[in-house]
Amino acid sequence: RLSCAGSGFTLDAYAVGWFRQAPGKEREGVSCVS
């Protein structure tokens, strides 16, 4: 389970996405939440 915590601001006005990048590959979107 990965966690993403906001620091210095609140996330409630932001959409948040998870992305991943493997060696030699472009970054791709994994998931997002409104």
PDB file of all heavy atoms in Angstrom:
ATOM      1  N   ARG A   1       0.841  -1.181   0.000  1.00  0.00           N
ATOM      2  CA  ARG A   1       0.000   0.000   0.000  1.00  0.00           C
ATOM      3  C   ARG A   1       0.881   1.236   0.000  1.00  0.00           C
ATOM      4  O   ARG A   1       1.675   1.447   0.920  1.00  0.00           O
ATOM      5  CB  ARG A   1      -0.950   0.052   1.200  1.00  0.00           C
ATOM      6  CG  ARG A   1      -1.961   1.203   1.077  1.00  0.00           C
ATOM      7  CD  ARG A   1      -3.023   1.197   2.149  1.00  0.00           C
ATOM      8  NE  ARG A   1      -2.554   1.754   3.403  1.00  0.00           N
ATOM      9  CZ  ARG A   1      -3.344   2.303   4.324  1.00  0.00           C
ATOM     10  NH1 ARG A   1      -4.659   2.341   4.121  1.00  0.00           N
ATOM     11  NH2 ARG A   1      -2.829   2.771   5.440  1.00  0.00           N
ATOM     12  N   LEU A   2       0.737   2.041  -1.033  1.00  0.00           N
ATOM     13  CA  LEU A   2       1.472   3.284  -1.147  1.00  0.00           C
ATOM     14  C   LEU A   2       0.655   4.428  -0.568  1.00  0.00           C
ATOM     15  O   LEU A   2      -0.569   4.442  -0.669  1.00  0.00           O
ATOM     16  CB  LEU A   2       1.801   3.595  -2.607  1.00  0.00           C
ATOM     17  CG  LEU A   2       2.543   2.521  -3.403  1.00  0.00           C
ATOM     18  CD1 LEU A   2       2.847   3.037  -4.807  1.00  0.00           C
ATOM     19  CD2 LEU A   2       3.817   2.089  -2.692  1.00  0.00           C
ATOM     20  N   SER A   3       1.348   5.382   0.015  1.00  0.00           N
ATOM     21  CA  SER A   3       0.708   6.566   0.558  1.00  0.00           C
ATOM     22  C   SER A   3       1.306   7.808  -0.078  1.00  0.00           C
ATOM     23  O   SER A   3       2.503   7.851  -0.369  1.00  0.00           O
ATOM     24  CB  SER A   3       0.892   6.642   2.073  1.00  0.00           C
ATOM     25  OG  SER A   3       0.282   5.549   2.726  1.00  0.00           O
ATOM     26  N   CYS A   4       0.479   8.802  -0.271  1.00  0.00           N
ATOM     27  CA  CYS A   4       0.903  10.091  -0.803  1.00  0.00           C
ATOM     28  C   CYS A   4       0.345  11.157   0.113  1.00  0.00           C
ATOM     29  O   CYS A   4      -0.877  11.352   0.176  1.00  0.00           O
ATOM     30  CB  CYS A   4       0.384  10.272  -2.229  1.00  0.00           C
ATOM     31  SG  CYS A   4       0.693  11.898  -2.946  1.00  0.00           S
ATOM     32  N   ALA A   5       1.213  11.835   0.822  1.00  0.00           N
ATOM     33  CA  ALA A   5       0.806  12.837   1.790  1.00  0.00           C
ATOM     34  C   ALA A   5       1.170  14.234   1.311  1.00  0.00           C
ATOM     35  O   ALA A   5       2.282  14.465   0.831  1.00  0.00           O
ATOM     36  CB  ALA A   5       1.457  12.567   3.139  1.00  0.00           C
ATOM     37  N   GLY A   6       0.234  15.148   1.446  1.00  0.00           N
ATOM     38  CA  GLY A   6       0.506  16.533   1.129  1.00  0.00           C
ATOM     39  C   GLY A   6       1.259  17.210   2.263  1.00  0.00           C
ATOM     40  O   GLY A   6       0.970  16.984   3.434  1.00  0.00           O
ATOM     41  N   SER A   7       2.211  18.034   1.898  1.00  0.00           N
ATOM     42  CA  SER A   7       2.985  18.789   2.869  1.00  0.00           C
ATOM     43  C   SER A   7       2.988  20.256   2.463  1.00  0.00           C
ATOM     44  O   SER A   7       3.363  20.588   1.345  1.00  0.00           O
ATOM     45  CB  SER A   7       4.419  18.255   2.939  1.00  0.00           C
ATOM     46  OG  SER A   7       5.198  18.996   3.861  1.00  0.00           O
ATOM     47  N   GLY A   8       2.556  21.118   3.359  1.00  0.00           N
ATOM     48  CA  GLY A   8       2.515  22.536   3.069  1.00  0.00           C
ATOM     49  C   GLY A   8       1.252  23.005   2.374  1.00  0.00           C
ATOM     50  O   GLY A   8       1.115  24.198   2.106  1.00  0.00           O
ATOM     51  N   PHE A   9       0.355  22.088   2.065  1.00  0.00           N
ATOM     52  CA  PHE A   9      -0.924  22.438   1.472  1.00  0.00           C
ATOM     53  C   PHE A   9      -1.900  21.302   1.727  1.00  0.00           C
ATOM     54  O   PHE A   9      -1.490  20.193   2.086  1.00  0.00           O
ATOM     55  CB  PHE A   9      -0.800  22.735  -0.026  1.00  0.00           C
ATOM     56  CG  PHE A   9      -0.548  21.532  -0.885  1.00  0.00           C
ATOM     57  CD1 PHE A   9      -1.500  21.105  -1.797  1.00  0.00           C
ATOM     58  CD2 PHE A   9       0.639  20.831  -0.800  1.00  0.00           C
ATOM     59  CE1 PHE A   9      -1.271  20.007  -2.614  1.00  0.00           C
ATOM     60  CE2 PHE A   9       0.884  19.728  -1.605  1.00  0.00           C
ATOM     61  CZ  PHE A   9      -0.074  19.322  -2.515  1.00  0.00           C
ATOM     62  N   THR A  10      -3.170  21.573   1.515  1.00  0.00           N
ATOM     63  CA  THR A  10      -4.190  20.552   1.705  1.00  0.00           C
ATOM     64  C   THR A  10      -4.639  20.021   0.350  1.00  0.00           C
ATOM     65  O   THR A  10      -4.790  20.770  -0.616  1.00  0.00           O
ATOM     66  CB  THR A  10      -5.397  21.096   2.481  1.00  0.00           C
ATOM     67  OG1 THR A  10      -5.924  22.247   1.816  1.00  0.00           O
ATOM     68  CG2 THR A  10      -4.987  21.485   3.892  1.00  0.00           C
ATOM     69  N   LEU A  11      -4.875  18.716   0.299  1.00  0.00           N
ATOM     70  CA  LEU A  11      -5.172  18.041  -0.958  1.00  0.00           C
ATOM     71  C   LEU A  11      -6.648  18.039  -1.331  1.00  0.00           C
ATOM     72  O   LEU A  11      -6.990  17.548  -2.407  1.00  0.00           O
ATOM     73  CB  LEU A  11      -4.675  16.595  -0.890  1.00  0.00           C
ATOM     74  CG  LEU A  11      -3.160  16.377  -0.942  1.00  0.00           C
ATOM     75  CD1 LEU A  11      -2.841  14.905  -0.695  1.00  0.00           C
ATOM     76  CD2 LEU A  11      -2.610  16.819  -2.293  1.00  0.00           C
ATOM     77  N   ASP A  12      -7.508  18.564  -0.487  1.00  0.00           N
ATOM     78  CA  ASP A  12      -8.935  18.407  -0.737  1.00  0.00           C
ATOM     79  C   ASP A  12      -9.453  19.170  -1.948  1.00  0.00           C
ATOM     80  O   ASP A  12     -10.577  18.909  -2.390  1.00  0.00           O
ATOM     81  CB  ASP A  12      -9.753  18.742   0.514  1.00  0.00           C
ATOM     82  CG  ASP A  12      -9.562  20.162   1.002  1.00  0.00           C
ATOM     83  OD1 ASP A  12      -8.737  20.897   0.432  1.00  0.00           O
ATOM     84  OD2 ASP A  12     -10.249  20.542   1.977  1.00  0.00           O
ATOM     85  N   ALA A  13      -8.678  20.099  -2.492  1.00  0.00           N
ATOM     86  CA  ALA A  13      -9.073  20.801  -3.706  1.00  0.00           C
ATOM     87  C   ALA A  13      -8.345  20.278  -4.946  1.00  0.00           C
ATOM     88  O   ALA A  13      -8.423  20.894  -6.008  1.00  0.00           O
ATOM     89  CB  ALA A  13      -8.825  22.298  -3.554  1.00  0.00           C
ATOM     90  N   TYR A  14      -7.674  19.150  -4.803  1.00  0.00           N
ATOM     91  CA  TYR A  14      -6.831  18.617  -5.859  1.00  0.00           C
ATOM     92  C   TYR A  14      -7.242  17.211  -6.261  1.00  0.00           C
ATOM     93  O   TYR A  14      -7.541  16.370  -5.415  1.00  0.00           O
ATOM     94  CB  TYR A  14      -5.375  18.565  -5.394  1.00  0.00           C
ATOM     95  CG  TYR A  14      -4.751  19.912  -5.134  1.00  0.00           C
ATOM     96  CD1 TYR A  14      -5.038  20.616  -3.969  1.00  0.00           C
ATOM     97  CD2 TYR A  14      -3.872  20.471  -6.049  1.00  0.00           C
ATOM     98  CE1 TYR A  14      -4.469  21.858  -3.731  1.00  0.00           C
ATOM     99  CE2 TYR A  14      -3.292  21.708  -5.814  1.00  0.00           C
ATOM    100  CZ  TYR A  14      -3.595  22.394  -4.657  1.00  0.00           C
ATOM    101  OH  TYR A  14      -3.021  23.620  -4.418  1.00  0.00           O
ATOM    102  N   ALA A  15      -7.246  16.982  -7.568  1.00  0.00           N
ATOM    103  CA  ALA A  15      -7.253  15.615  -8.045  1.00  0.00           C
ATOM    104  C   ALA A  15      -5.845  15.051  -7.886  1.00  0.00           C
ATOM    105  O   ALA A  15      -4.863  15.778  -8.042  1.00  0.00           O
ATOM    106  CB  ALA A  15      -7.684  15.551  -9.510  1.00  0.00           C
ATOM    107  N   VAL A  16      -5.745  13.774  -7.573  1.00  0.00           N
ATOM    108  CA  VAL A  16      -4.454  13.148  -7.338  1.00  0.00           C
ATOM    109  C   VAL A  16      -4.327  11.907  -8.207  1.00  0.00           C
ATOM    110  O   VAL A  16      -5.275  11.125  -8.331  1.00  0.00           O
ATOM    111  CB  VAL A  16      -4.268  12.777  -5.860  1.00  0.00           C
ATOM    112  CG1 VAL A  16      -2.959  12.016  -5.650  1.00  0.00           C
ATOM    113  CG2 VAL A  16      -4.276  14.032  -4.999  1.00  0.00           C
ATOM    114  N   GLY A  17      -3.168  11.741  -8.801  1.00  0.00           N
ATOM    115  CA  GLY A  17      -2.904  10.575  -9.618  1.00  0.00           C
ATOM    116  C   GLY A  17      -1.655   9.844  -9.163  1.00  0.00           C
ATOM    117  O   GLY A  17      -0.762  10.432  -8.545  1.00  0.00           O
ATOM    118  N   TRP A  18      -1.627   8.550  -9.463  1.00  0.00           N
ATOM    119  CA  TRP A  18      -0.431   7.738  -9.285  1.00  0.00           C
ATOM    120  C   TRP A  18       0.111   7.382 -10.662  1.00  0.00           C
ATOM    121  O   TRP A  18      -0.641   6.947 -11.550  1.00  0.00           O
ATOM    122  CB  TRP A  18      -0.732   6.452  -8.512  1.00  0.00           C
ATOM    123  CG  TRP A  18      -0.900   6.655  -7.041  1.00  0.00           C
ATOM    124  CD1 TRP A  18      -2.059   6.771  -6.353  1.00  0.00           C
ATOM    125  CD2 TRP A  18       0.157   6.746  -6.078  1.00  0.00           C
ATOM    126  NE1 TRP A  18      -1.804   6.931  -5.012  1.00  0.00           N
ATOM    127  CE2 TRP A  18      -0.454   6.921  -4.816  1.00  0.00           C
ATOM    128  CE3 TRP A  18       1.549   6.698  -6.148  1.00  0.00           C
ATOM    129  CZ2 TRP A  18       0.282   7.050  -3.639  1.00  0.00           C
ATOM    130  CZ3 TRP A  18       2.285   6.828  -4.984  1.00  0.00           C
ATOM    131  CH2 TRP A  18       1.651   6.996  -3.748  1.00  0.00           C
ATOM    132  N   PHE A  19       1.397   7.546 -10.825  1.00  0.00           N
ATOM    133  CA  PHE A  19       2.086   7.256 -12.073  1.00  0.00           C
ATOM    134  C   PHE A  19       3.278   6.369 -11.779  1.00  0.00           C
ATOM    135  O   PHE A  19       3.760   6.314 -10.643  1.00  0.00           O
ATOM    136  CB  PHE A  19       2.538   8.560 -12.749  1.00  0.00           C
ATOM    137  CG  PHE A  19       1.407   9.485 -13.082  1.00  0.00           C
ATOM    138  CD1 PHE A  19       0.852  10.319 -12.118  1.00  0.00           C
ATOM    139  CD2 PHE A  19       0.880   9.523 -14.364  1.00  0.00           C
ATOM    140  CE1 PHE A  19      -0.195  11.168 -12.411  1.00  0.00           C
ATOM    141  CE2 PHE A  19      -0.177  10.374 -14.677  1.00  0.00           C
ATOM    142  CZ  PHE A  19      -0.713  11.188 -13.700  1.00  0.00           C
ATOM    143  N   ARG A  20       3.753   5.685 -12.790  1.00  0.00           N
ATOM    144  CA  ARG A  20       4.931   4.852 -12.596  1.00  0.00           C
ATOM    145  C   ARG A  20       5.835   4.924 -13.813  1.00  0.00           C
ATOM    146  O   ARG A  20       5.386   5.170 -14.933  1.00  0.00           O
ATOM    147  CB  ARG A  20       4.550   3.399 -12.299  1.00  0.00           C
ATOM    148  CG  ARG A  20       3.889   2.665 -13.457  1.00  0.00           C
ATOM    149  CD  ARG A  20       3.408   1.300 -13.000  1.00  0.00           C
ATOM    150  NE  ARG A  20       2.822   0.537 -14.091  1.00  0.00           N
ATOM    151  CZ  ARG A  20       2.197  -0.615 -13.942  1.00  0.00           C
ATOM    152  NH1 ARG A  20       2.077  -1.159 -12.717  1.00  0.00           N
ATOM    153  NH2 ARG A  20       1.693  -1.252 -14.989  1.00  0.00           N
ATOM    154  N   GLN A  21       7.109   4.694 -13.565  1.00  0.00           N
ATOM    155  CA  GLN A  21       8.083   4.709 -14.639  1.00  0.00           C
ATOM    156  C   GLN A  21       9.103   3.604 -14.405  1.00  0.00           C
ATOM    157  O   GLN A  21       9.793   3.594 -13.385  1.00  0.00           O
ATOM    158  CB  GLN A  21       8.781   6.060 -14.738  1.00  0.00           C
ATOM    159  CG  GLN A  21       9.674   6.192 -15.960  1.00  0.00           C
ATOM    160  CD  GLN A  21      10.051   7.633 -16.245  1.00  0.00           C
ATOM    161  OE1 GLN A  21      10.014   8.480 -15.363  1.00  0.00           O
ATOM    162  NE2 GLN A  21      10.401   7.914 -17.488  1.00  0.00           N
ATOM    163  N   ALA A  22       9.172   2.695 -15.351  1.00  0.00           N
ATOM    164  CA  ALA A  22      10.154   1.631 -15.328  1.00  0.00           C
ATOM    165  C   ALA A  22      11.364   2.048 -16.157  1.00  0.00           C
ATOM    166  O   ALA A  22      11.250   2.894 -17.051  1.00  0.00           O
ATOM    167  CB  ALA A  22       9.550   0.341 -15.883  1.00  0.00           C
ATOM    168  N   PRO A  23      12.537   1.456 -15.896  1.00  0.00           N
ATOM    169  CA  PRO A  23      13.728   1.814 -16.670  1.00  0.00           C
ATOM    170  C   PRO A  23      13.509   1.649 -18.166  1.00  0.00           C
ATOM    171  O   PRO A  23      13.018   0.607 -18.619  1.00  0.00           O
ATOM    172  CB  PRO A  23      14.786   0.838 -16.154  1.00  0.00           C
ATOM    173  CG  PRO A  23      14.349   0.521 -14.767  1.00  0.00           C
ATOM    174  CD  PRO A  23      12.848   0.483 -14.836  1.00  0.00           C
ATOM    175  N   GLY A  24      13.855   2.673 -18.922  1.00  0.00           N
ATOM    176  CA  GLY A  24      13.730   2.620 -20.365  1.00  0.00           C
ATOM    177  C   GLY A  24      12.336   2.830 -20.904  1.00  0.00           C
ATOM    178  O   GLY A  24      12.133   2.749 -22.121  1.00  0.00           O
ATOM    179  N   LYS A  25      11.368   3.094 -20.033  1.00  0.00           N
ATOM    180  CA  LYS A  25       9.992   3.289 -20.465  1.00  0.00           C
ATOM    181  C   LYS A  25       9.485   4.670 -20.064  1.00  0.00           C
ATOM    182  O   LYS A  25      10.008   5.296 -19.146  1.00  0.00           O
ATOM    183  CB  LYS A  25       9.078   2.216 -19.872  1.00  0.00           C
ATOM    184  CG  LYS A  25       9.360   0.810 -20.362  1.00  0.00           C
ATOM    185  CD  LYS A  25       8.331  -0.163 -19.847  1.00  0.00           C
ATOM    186  CE  LYS A  25       8.549  -1.556 -20.401  1.00  0.00           C
ATOM    187  NZ  LYS A  25       7.513  -2.502 -19.920  1.00  0.00           N
ATOM    188  N   GLU A  26       8.464   5.113 -20.764  1.00  0.00           N
ATOM    189  CA  GLU A  26       7.852   6.386 -20.436  1.00  0.00           C
ATOM    190  C   GLU A  26       6.981   6.260 -19.192  1.00  0.00           C
ATOM    191  O   GLU A  26       6.477   5.185 -18.869  1.00  0.00           O
ATOM    192  CB  GLU A  26       7.004   6.900 -21.600  1.00  0.00           C
ATOM    193  CG  GLU A  26       7.801   7.370 -22.796  1.00  0.00           C
ATOM    194  CD  GLU A  26       6.985   8.245 -23.726  1.00  0.00           C
ATOM    195  OE1 GLU A  26       5.745   8.131 -23.723  1.00  0.00           O
ATOM    196  OE2 GLU A  26       7.583   9.058 -24.439  1.00  0.00           O
ATOM    197  N   ARG A  27       6.817   7.377 -18.512  1.00  0.00           N
ATOM    198  CA  ARG A  27       5.938   7.409 -17.363  1.00  0.00           C
ATOM    199  C   ARG A  27       4.493   7.192 -17.809  1.00  0.00           C
ATOM    200  O   ARG A  27       4.040   7.768 -18.801  1.00  0.00           O
ATOM    201  CB  ARG A  27       6.079   8.748 -16.648  1.00  0.00           C
ATOM    202  CG  ARG A  27       5.389   8.824 -15.308  1.00  0.00           C
ATOM    203  CD  ARG A  27       5.782  10.108 -14.574  1.00  0.00           C
ATOM    204  NE  ARG A  27       7.219  10.173 -14.320  1.00  0.00           N
ATOM    205  CZ  ARG A  27       7.805  11.139 -13.652  1.00  0.00           C
ATOM    206  NH1 ARG A  27       7.092  12.136 -13.147  1.00  0.00           N
ATOM    207  NH2 ARG A  27       9.127  11.123 -13.477  1.00  0.00           N
ATOM    208  N   GLU A  28       3.773   6.357 -17.070  1.00  0.00           N
ATOM    209  CA  GLU A  28       2.396   6.069 -17.410  1.00  0.00           C
ATOM    210  C   GLU A  28       1.487   6.273 -16.211  1.00  0.00           C
ATOM    211  O   GLU A  28       1.886   6.062 -15.063  1.00  0.00           O
ATOM    212  CB  GLU A  28       2.248   4.640 -17.941  1.00  0.00           C
ATOM    213  CG  GLU A  28       2.591   3.559 -16.942  1.00  0.00           C
ATOM    214  CD  GLU A  28       2.435   2.161 -17.501  1.00  0.00           C
ATOM    215  OE1 GLU A  28       1.897   2.009 -18.620  1.00  0.00           O
ATOM    216  OE2 GLU A  28       2.855   1.205 -16.826  1.00  0.00           O
ATOM    217  N   GLY A  29       0.266   6.666 -16.503  1.00  0.00           N
ATOM    218  CA  GLY A  29      -0.713   6.837 -15.452  1.00  0.00           C
ATOM    219  C   GLY A  29      -1.238   5.500 -14.983  1.00  0.00           C
ATOM    220  O   GLY A  29      -1.635   4.657 -15.792  1.00  0.00           O
ATOM    221  N   VAL A  30      -1.275   5.300 -13.684  1.00  0.00           N
ATOM    222  CA  VAL A  30      -1.726   4.053 -13.076  1.00  0.00           C
ATOM    223  C   VAL A  30      -3.148   4.181 -12.548  1.00  0.00           C
ATOM    224  O   VAL A  30      -3.996   3.319 -12.782  1.00  0.00           O
ATOM    225  CB  VAL A  30      -0.774   3.623 -11.947  1.00  0.00           C
ATOM    226  CG1 VAL A  30      -1.295   2.373 -11.248  1.00  0.00           C
ATOM    227  CG2 VAL A  30       0.626   3.389 -12.493  1.00  0.00           C
ATOM    228  N   SER A  31      -3.401   5.254 -11.828  1.00  0.00           N
ATOM    229  CA  SER A  31      -4.709   5.460 -11.238  1.00  0.00           C
ATOM    230  C   SER A  31      -4.850   6.918 -10.844  1.00  0.00           C
ATOM    231  O   SER A  31      -3.858   7.621 -10.670  1.00  0.00           O
ATOM    232  CB  SER A  31      -4.899   4.559 -10.012  1.00  0.00           C
ATOM    233  OG  SER A  31      -6.220   4.650  -9.507  1.00  0.00           O
ATOM    234  N   CYS A  32      -6.086   7.360 -10.688  1.00  0.00           N
ATOM    235  CA  CYS A  32      -6.321   8.714 -10.220  1.00  0.00           C
ATOM    236  C   CYS A  32      -7.634   8.766  -9.471  1.00  0.00           C
ATOM    237  O   CYS A  32      -8.487   7.893  -9.623  1.00  0.00           O
ATOM    238  CB  CYS A  32      -6.309   9.733 -11.370  1.00  0.00           C
ATOM    239  SG  CYS A  32      -7.646   9.560 -12.569  1.00  0.00           S
ATOM    240  N   VAL A  33      -7.786   9.800  -8.673  1.00  0.00           N
ATOM    241  CA  VAL A  33      -8.999   9.993  -7.894  1.00  0.00           C
ATOM    242  C   VAL A  33      -9.346  11.473  -7.896  1.00  0.00           C
ATOM    243  O   VAL A  33      -8.472  12.337  -7.795  1.00  0.00           O
ATOM    244  CB  VAL A  33      -8.830   9.447  -6.456  1.00  0.00           C
ATOM    245  CG1 VAL A  33      -7.697  10.150  -5.718  1.00  0.00           C
ATOM    246  CG2 VAL A  33     -10.136   9.541  -5.678  1.00  0.00           C
ATOM    247  N   SER A  34     -10.633  11.759  -8.033  1.00  0.00           N
ATOM    248  CA  SER A  34     -11.094  13.137  -8.026  1.00  0.00           C
ATOM    249  C   SER A  34     -10.971  13.738  -6.635  1.00  0.00           C
ATOM    250  O   SER A  34     -10.732  13.041  -5.645  1.00  0.00           O
ATOM    251  CB  SER A  34     -12.545  13.208  -8.505  1.00  0.00           C
ATOM    252  OG  SER A  34     -13.399  12.496  -7.636  1.00  0.00           O
TER     253      SER A  34
END
